[in-house]
Amino acid sequence: MVTKQSSGRSTISISLETKNALNSIKHEGQSYNGLIQEVVKFWKEKKDEYWARKRKQRVAESVGAGKE
């Protein structure tokens, strides 16, 4: 659920589990907005590397499965 605010901000609803996960990686005094911006930046920088590694794993698993 996303609620638009008139101030150029919005509110999102997340589970307590997700909030706790965010709290576990958030720096002291860091806003959730700042944390989410860091996570998005990190993902944009690393996603190609991540998907390439996943593709390699799937190929290795399918080749290994063919040997059985």
PDB file of N, CA and C in Angstrom:
ATOM      1  N   MET A   1       0.841  -1.181   0.000  1.00  0.00           N
ATOM      2  CA  MET A   1       0.000   0.000   0.000  1.00  0.00           C
ATOM      3  C   MET A   1       0.883   1.241   0.000  1.00  0.00           C
ATOM      4  N   VAL A   2       0.605   2.163  -0.890  1.00  0.00           N
ATOM      5  CA  VAL A   2       1.328   3.430  -0.948  1.00  0.00           C
ATOM      6  C   VAL A   2       0.324   4.547  -0.797  1.00  0.00           C
ATOM      7  N   THR A   3       0.615   5.468   0.096  1.00  0.00           N
ATOM      8  CA  THR A   3      -0.251   6.626   0.294  1.00  0.00           C
ATOM      9  C   THR A   3       0.511   7.862  -0.118  1.00  0.00           C
ATOM     10  N   LYS A   4      -0.015   8.626  -1.069  1.00  0.00           N
ATOM     11  CA  LYS A   4       0.658   9.846  -1.514  1.00  0.00           C
ATOM     12  C   LYS A   4       0.388  10.980  -0.545  1.00  0.00           C
ATOM     13  N   GLN A   5       1.421  11.717  -0.256  1.00  0.00           N
ATOM     14  CA  GLN A   5       1.320  12.905   0.577  1.00  0.00           C
ATOM     15  C   GLN A   5       1.504  14.123  -0.322  1.00  0.00           C
ATOM     16  N   SER A   6       0.991  15.267   0.076  1.00  0.00           N
ATOM     17  CA  SER A   6       1.089  16.465  -0.755  1.00  0.00           C
ATOM     18  C   SER A   6       2.483  17.094  -0.699  1.00  0.00           C
ATOM     19  N   SER A   7       3.343  16.654   0.210  1.00  0.00           N
ATOM     20  CA  SER A   7       4.656  17.271   0.379  1.00  0.00           C
ATOM     21  C   SER A   7       5.755  16.626  -0.470  1.00  0.00           C
ATOM     22  N   GLY A   8       5.380  15.851  -1.498  1.00  0.00           N
ATOM     23  CA  GLY A   8       6.393  15.168  -2.299  1.00  0.00           C
ATOM     24  C   GLY A   8       6.919  13.913  -1.632  1.00  0.00           C
ATOM     25  N   ARG A   9       6.226  13.434  -0.659  1.00  0.00           N
ATOM     26  CA  ARG A   9       6.616  12.221   0.046  1.00  0.00           C
ATOM     27  C   ARG A   9       5.455  11.243  -0.001  1.00  0.00           C
ATOM     28  N   SER A  10       5.742   9.987   0.281  1.00  0.00           N
ATOM     29  CA  SER A  10       4.668   9.000   0.376  1.00  0.00           C
ATOM     30  C   SER A  10       4.951   8.075   1.543  1.00  0.00           C
ATOM     31  N   THR A  11       3.944   7.369   1.930  1.00  0.00           N
ATOM     32  CA  THR A  11       4.025   6.418   3.022  1.00  0.00           C
ATOM     33  C   THR A  11       3.816   5.031   2.444  1.00  0.00           C
ATOM     34  N   ILE A  12       4.662   4.091   2.861  1.00  0.00           N
ATOM     35  CA  ILE A  12       4.489   2.710   2.422  1.00  0.00           C
ATOM     36  C   ILE A  12       4.263   1.832   3.641  1.00  0.00           C
ATOM     37  N   SER A  13       3.515   0.779   3.459  1.00  0.00           N
ATOM     38  CA  SER A  13       3.255  -0.171   4.523  1.00  0.00           C
ATOM     39  C   SER A  13       4.177  -1.371   4.329  1.00  0.00           C
ATOM     40  N   ILE A  14       4.948  -1.705   5.368  1.00  0.00           N
ATOM     41  CA  ILE A  14       5.829  -2.868   5.322  1.00  0.00           C
ATOM     42  C   ILE A  14       5.552  -3.730   6.546  1.00  0.00           C
ATOM     43  N   SER A  15       5.902  -4.993   6.439  1.00  0.00           N
ATOM     44  CA  SER A  15       5.697  -5.897   7.572  1.00  0.00           C
ATOM     45  C   SER A  15       6.695  -5.566   8.686  1.00  0.00           C
ATOM     46  N   LEU A  16       6.383  -5.996   9.896  1.00  0.00           N
ATOM     47  CA  LEU A  16       7.314  -5.807  11.008  1.00  0.00           C
ATOM     48  C   LEU A  16       8.622  -6.560  10.748  1.00  0.00           C
ATOM     49  N   GLU A  17       8.526  -7.700  10.082  1.00  0.00           N
ATOM     50  CA  GLU A  17       9.727  -8.474   9.740  1.00  0.00           C
ATOM     51  C   GLU A  17      10.649  -7.647   8.843  1.00  0.00           C
ATOM     52  N   THR A  18      10.073  -6.972   7.848  1.00  0.00           N
ATOM     53  CA  THR A  18      10.869  -6.138   6.949  1.00  0.00           C
ATOM     54  C   THR A  18      11.440  -4.943   7.699  1.00  0.00           C
ATOM     55  N   LYS A  19      10.639  -4.332   8.554  1.00  0.00           N
ATOM     56  CA  LYS A  19      11.118  -3.190   9.342  1.00  0.00           C
ATOM     57  C   LYS A  19      12.290  -3.605  10.221  1.00  0.00           C
ATOM     58  N   ASN A  20      12.187  -4.778  10.846  1.00  0.00           N
ATOM     59  CA  ASN A  20      13.274  -5.276  11.691  1.00  0.00           C
ATOM     60  C   ASN A  20      14.532  -5.552  10.866  1.00  0.00           C
ATOM     61  N   ALA A  21      14.337  -6.087   9.652  1.00  0.00           N
ATOM     62  CA  ALA A  21      15.489  -6.337   8.776  1.00  0.00           C
ATOM     63  C   ALA A  21      16.156  -5.022   8.398  1.00  0.00           C
ATOM     64  N   LEU A  22      15.362  -4.010   8.085  1.00  0.00           N
ATOM     65  CA  LEU A  22      15.917  -2.694   7.769  1.00  0.00           C
ATOM     66  C   LEU A  22      16.655  -2.117   8.970  1.00  0.00           C
ATOM     67  N   ASN A  23      16.060  -2.242  10.150  1.00  0.00           N
ATOM     68  CA  ASN A  23      16.712  -1.739  11.363  1.00  0.00           C
ATOM     69  C   ASN A  23      18.056  -2.411  11.601  1.00  0.00           C
ATOM     70  N   SER A  24      18.170  -3.680  11.221  1.00  0.00           N
ATOM     71  CA  SER A  24      19.410  -4.418  11.475  1.00  0.00           C
ATOM     72  C   SER A  24      20.562  -3.954  10.591  1.00  0.00           C
ATOM     73  N   ILE A  25      20.264  -3.268   9.482  1.00  0.00           N
ATOM     74  CA  ILE A  25      21.343  -2.791   8.595  1.00  0.00           C
ATOM     75  C   ILE A  25      21.447  -1.276   8.558  1.00  0.00           C
ATOM     76  N   LYS A  26      20.547  -0.603   9.247  1.00  0.00           N
ATOM     77  CA  LYS A  26      20.504   0.858   9.264  1.00  0.00           C
ATOM     78  C   LYS A  26      21.563   1.384  10.217  1.00  0.00           C
ATOM     79  N   HIS A  27      22.244   2.458   9.812  1.00  0.00           N
ATOM     80  CA  HIS A  27      23.214   3.111  10.691  1.00  0.00           C
ATOM     81  C   HIS A  27      22.472   3.917  11.745  1.00  0.00           C
ATOM     82  N   GLU A  28      23.074   4.083  12.898  1.00  0.00           N
ATOM     83  CA  GLU A  28      22.449   4.885  13.945  1.00  0.00           C
ATOM     84  C   GLU A  28      22.189   6.299  13.425  1.00  0.00           C
ATOM     85  N   GLY A  29      20.976   6.754  13.579  1.00  0.00           N
ATOM     86  CA  GLY A  29      20.606   8.092  13.130  1.00  0.00           C
ATOM     87  C   GLY A  29      20.217   8.183  11.664  1.00  0.00           C
ATOM     88  N   GLN A  30      20.396   7.101  10.920  1.00  0.00           N
ATOM     89  CA  GLN A  30      20.053   7.105   9.494  1.00  0.00           C
ATOM     90  C   GLN A  30      18.548   6.995   9.311  1.00  0.00           C
ATOM     91  N   SER A  31      18.022   7.755   8.373  1.00  0.00           N
ATOM     92  CA  SER A  31      16.593   7.677   8.078  1.00  0.00           C
ATOM     93  C   SER A  31      16.307   6.444   7.219  1.00  0.00           C
ATOM     94  N   TYR A  32      15.056   6.011   7.242  1.00  0.00           N
ATOM     95  CA  TYR A  32      14.670   4.906   6.364  1.00  0.00           C
ATOM     96  C   TYR A  32      14.826   5.330   4.908  1.00  0.00           C
ATOM     97  N   ASN A  33      14.530   6.579   4.607  1.00  0.00           N
ATOM     98  CA  ASN A  33      14.689   7.077   3.242  1.00  0.00           C
ATOM     99  C   ASN A  33      16.154   6.959   2.802  1.00  0.00           C
ATOM    100  N   GLY A  34      17.063   7.366   3.671  1.00  0.00           N
ATOM    101  CA  GLY A  34      18.490   7.262   3.361  1.00  0.00           C
ATOM    102  C   GLY A  34      18.923   5.823   3.165  1.00  0.00           C
ATOM    103  N   LEU A  35      18.433   4.938   4.016  1.00  0.00           N
ATOM    104  CA  LEU A  35      18.766   3.514   3.900  1.00  0.00           C
ATOM    105  C   LEU A  35      18.246   2.937   2.592  1.00  0.00           C
ATOM    106  N   ILE A  36      16.997   3.228   2.276  1.00  0.00           N
ATOM    107  CA  ILE A  36      16.407   2.698   1.039  1.00  0.00           C
ATOM    108  C   ILE A  36      17.147   3.239  -0.175  1.00  0.00           C
ATOM    109  N   GLN A  37      17.553   4.507  -0.147  1.00  0.00           N
ATOM    110  CA  GLN A  37      18.340   5.058  -1.254  1.00  0.00           C
ATOM    111  C   GLN A  37      19.666   4.318  -1.408  1.00  0.00           C
ATOM    112  N   GLU A  38      20.316   3.989  -0.295  1.00  0.00           N
ATOM    113  CA  GLU A  38      21.573   3.229  -0.346  1.00  0.00           C
ATOM    114  C   GLU A  38      21.357   1.844  -0.941  1.00  0.00           C
ATOM    115  N   VAL A  39      20.288   1.181  -0.520  1.00  0.00           N
ATOM    116  CA  VAL A  39      19.987  -0.170  -1.013  1.00  0.00           C
ATOM    117  C   VAL A  39      19.713  -0.135  -2.516  1.00  0.00           C
ATOM    118  N   VAL A  40      18.945   0.849  -2.957  1.00  0.00           N
ATOM    119  CA  VAL A  40      18.633   0.973  -4.389  1.00  0.00           C
ATOM    120  C   VAL A  40      19.913   1.241  -5.186  1.00  0.00           C
ATOM    121  N   LYS A  41      20.756   2.129  -4.703  1.00  0.00           N
ATOM    122  CA  LYS A  41      22.024   2.429  -5.389  1.00  0.00           C
ATOM    123  C   LYS A  41      22.894   1.174  -5.471  1.00  0.00           C
ATOM    124  N   PHE A  42      22.999   0.447  -4.354  1.00  0.00           N
ATOM    125  CA  PHE A  42      23.784  -0.780  -4.324  1.00  0.00           C
ATOM    126  C   PHE A  42      23.247  -1.788  -5.332  1.00  0.00           C
ATOM    127  N   TRP A  43      21.924  -1.974  -5.362  1.00  0.00           N
ATOM    128  CA  TRP A  43      21.309  -2.923  -6.285  1.00  0.00           C
ATOM    129  C   TRP A  43      21.593  -2.532  -7.726  1.00  0.00           C
ATOM    130  N   LYS A  44      21.462  -1.262  -8.050  1.00  0.00           N
ATOM    131  CA  LYS A  44      21.718  -0.814  -9.422  1.00  0.00           C
ATOM    132  C   LYS A  44      23.157  -1.095  -9.830  1.00  0.00           C
ATOM    133  N   GLU A  45      24.087  -0.964  -8.882  1.00  0.00           N
ATOM    134  CA  GLU A  45      25.498  -1.208  -9.179  1.00  0.00           C
ATOM    135  C   GLU A  45      25.820  -2.698  -9.280  1.00  0.00           C
ATOM    136  N   LYS A  46      25.125  -3.540  -8.557  1.00  0.00           N
ATOM    137  CA  LYS A  46      25.486  -4.963  -8.431  1.00  0.00           C
ATOM    138  C   LYS A  46      24.552  -5.936  -9.131  1.00  0.00           C
ATOM    139  N   LYS A  47      23.410  -5.467  -9.646  1.00  0.00           N
ATOM    140  CA  LYS A  47      22.413  -6.408 -10.166  1.00  0.00           C
ATOM    141  C   LYS A  47      22.918  -7.234 -11.340  1.00  0.00           C
ATOM    142  N   ASP A  48      23.697  -6.644 -12.254  1.00  0.00           N
ATOM    143  CA  ASP A  48      24.201  -7.415 -13.392  1.00  0.00           C
ATOM    144  C   ASP A  48      25.115  -8.548 -12.923  1.00  0.00           C
ATOM    145  N   GLU A  49      25.970  -8.238 -11.964  1.00  0.00           N
ATOM    146  CA  GLU A  49      26.868  -9.244 -11.391  1.00  0.00           C
ATOM    147  C   GLU A  49      26.054 -10.348 -10.698  1.00  0.00           C
ATOM    148  N   TYR A  50      25.025  -9.966  -9.975  1.00  0.00           N
ATOM    149  CA  TYR A  50      24.166 -10.925  -9.277  1.00  0.00           C
ATOM    150  C   TYR A  50      23.488 -11.874 -10.262  1.00  0.00           C
ATOM    151  N   TRP A  51      22.867 -11.323 -11.307  1.00  0.00           N
ATOM    152  CA  TRP A  51      22.151 -12.168 -12.271  1.00  0.00           C
ATOM    153  C   TRP A  51      23.103 -13.037 -13.074  1.00  0.00           C
ATOM    154  N   ALA A  52      24.298 -12.554 -13.373  1.00  0.00           N
ATOM    155  CA  ALA A  52      25.290 -13.379 -14.074  1.00  0.00           C
ATOM    156  C   ALA A  52      25.674 -14.574 -13.203  1.00  0.00           C
ATOM    157  N   ARG A  53      25.866 -14.343 -11.911  1.00  0.00           N
ATOM    158  CA  ARG A  53      26.201 -15.437 -10.992  1.00  0.00           C
ATOM    159  C   ARG A  53      25.047 -16.436 -10.893  1.00  0.00           C
ATOM    160  N   LYS A  54      23.816 -15.941 -10.845  1.00  0.00           N
ATOM    161  CA  LYS A  54      22.650 -16.828 -10.790  1.00  0.00           C
ATOM    162  C   LYS A  54      22.553 -17.683 -12.051  1.00  0.00           C
ATOM    163  N   ARG A  55      22.805 -17.075 -13.226  1.00  0.00           N
ATOM    164  CA  ARG A  55      22.768 -17.834 -14.476  1.00  0.00           C
ATOM    165  C   ARG A  55      23.816 -18.938 -14.461  1.00  0.00           C
ATOM    166  N   LYS A  56      25.021 -18.626 -13.996  1.00  0.00           N
ATOM    167  CA  LYS A  56      26.089 -19.621 -13.905  1.00  0.00           C
ATOM    168  C   LYS A  56      25.676 -20.770 -12.990  1.00  0.00           C
ATOM    169  N   GLN A  57      25.059 -20.449 -11.871  1.00  0.00           N
ATOM    170  CA  GLN A  57      24.615 -21.491 -10.935  1.00  0.00           C
ATOM    171  C   GLN A  57      23.577 -22.396 -11.568  1.00  0.00           C
ATOM    172  N   ARG A  58      22.625 -21.805 -12.308  1.00  0.00           N
ATOM    173  CA  ARG A  58      21.584 -22.617 -12.956  1.00  0.00           C
ATOM    174  C   ARG A  58      22.192 -23.532 -14.009  1.00  0.00           C
ATOM    175  N   VAL A  59      23.148 -23.025 -14.762  1.00  0.00           N
ATOM    176  CA  VAL A  59      23.804 -23.850 -15.783  1.00  0.00           C
ATOM    177  C   VAL A  59      24.551 -25.000 -15.113  1.00  0.00           C
ATOM    178  N   ALA A  60      25.286 -24.678 -14.066  1.00  0.00           N
ATOM    179  CA  ALA A  60      26.047 -25.714 -13.352  1.00  0.00           C
ATOM    180  C   ALA A  60      25.101 -26.773 -12.767  1.00  0.00           C
ATOM    181  N   GLU A  61      23.968 -26.315 -12.231  1.00  0.00           N
ATOM    182  CA  GLU A  61      23.001 -27.271 -11.658  1.00  0.00           C
ATOM    183  C   GLU A  61      22.385 -28.155 -12.758  1.00  0.00           C
ATOM    184  N   SER A  62      22.085 -27.564 -13.915  1.00  0.00           N
ATOM    185  CA  SER A  62      21.483 -28.357 -14.984  1.00  0.00           C
ATOM    186  C   SER A  62      22.491 -29.327 -15.587  1.00  0.00           C
ATOM    187  N   VAL A  63      23.748 -28.930 -15.680  1.00  0.00           N
ATOM    188  CA  VAL A  63      24.788 -29.838 -16.176  1.00  0.00           C
ATOM    189  C   VAL A  63      24.998 -30.967 -15.169  1.00  0.00           C
ATOM    190  N   GLY A  64      25.028 -30.619 -13.889  1.00  0.00           N
ATOM    191  CA  GLY A  64      25.188 -31.629 -12.835  1.00  0.00           C
ATOM    192  C   GLY A  64      24.011 -32.592 -12.797  1.00  0.00           C
ATOM    193  N   ALA A  65      22.826 -32.100 -13.040  1.00  0.00           N
ATOM    194  CA  ALA A  65      21.640 -32.950 -13.041  1.00  0.00           C
ATOM    195  C   ALA A  65      21.661 -33.909 -14.225  1.00  0.00           C
ATOM    196  N   GLY A  66      22.260 -33.507 -15.314  1.00  0.00           N
ATOM    197  CA  GLY A  66      22.333 -34.353 -16.504  1.00  0.00           C
ATOM    198  C   GLY A  66      23.298 -35.509 -16.342  1.00  0.00           C
ATOM    199  N   LYS A  67      24.201 -35.409 -15.349  1.00  0.00           N
ATOM    200  CA  LYS A  67      25.200 -36.461 -15.149  1.00  0.00           C
ATOM    201  C   LYS A  67      24.656 -37.604 -14.303  1.00  0.00           C
ATOM    202  N   GLU A  68      23.519 -37.420 -13.679  1.00  0.00           N
ATOM    203  CA  GLU A  68      22.980 -38.456 -12.778  1.00  0.00           C
ATOM    204  C   GLU A  68      22.348 -39.586 -13.517  1.00  0.00           C
TER     205      GLU A  68
END
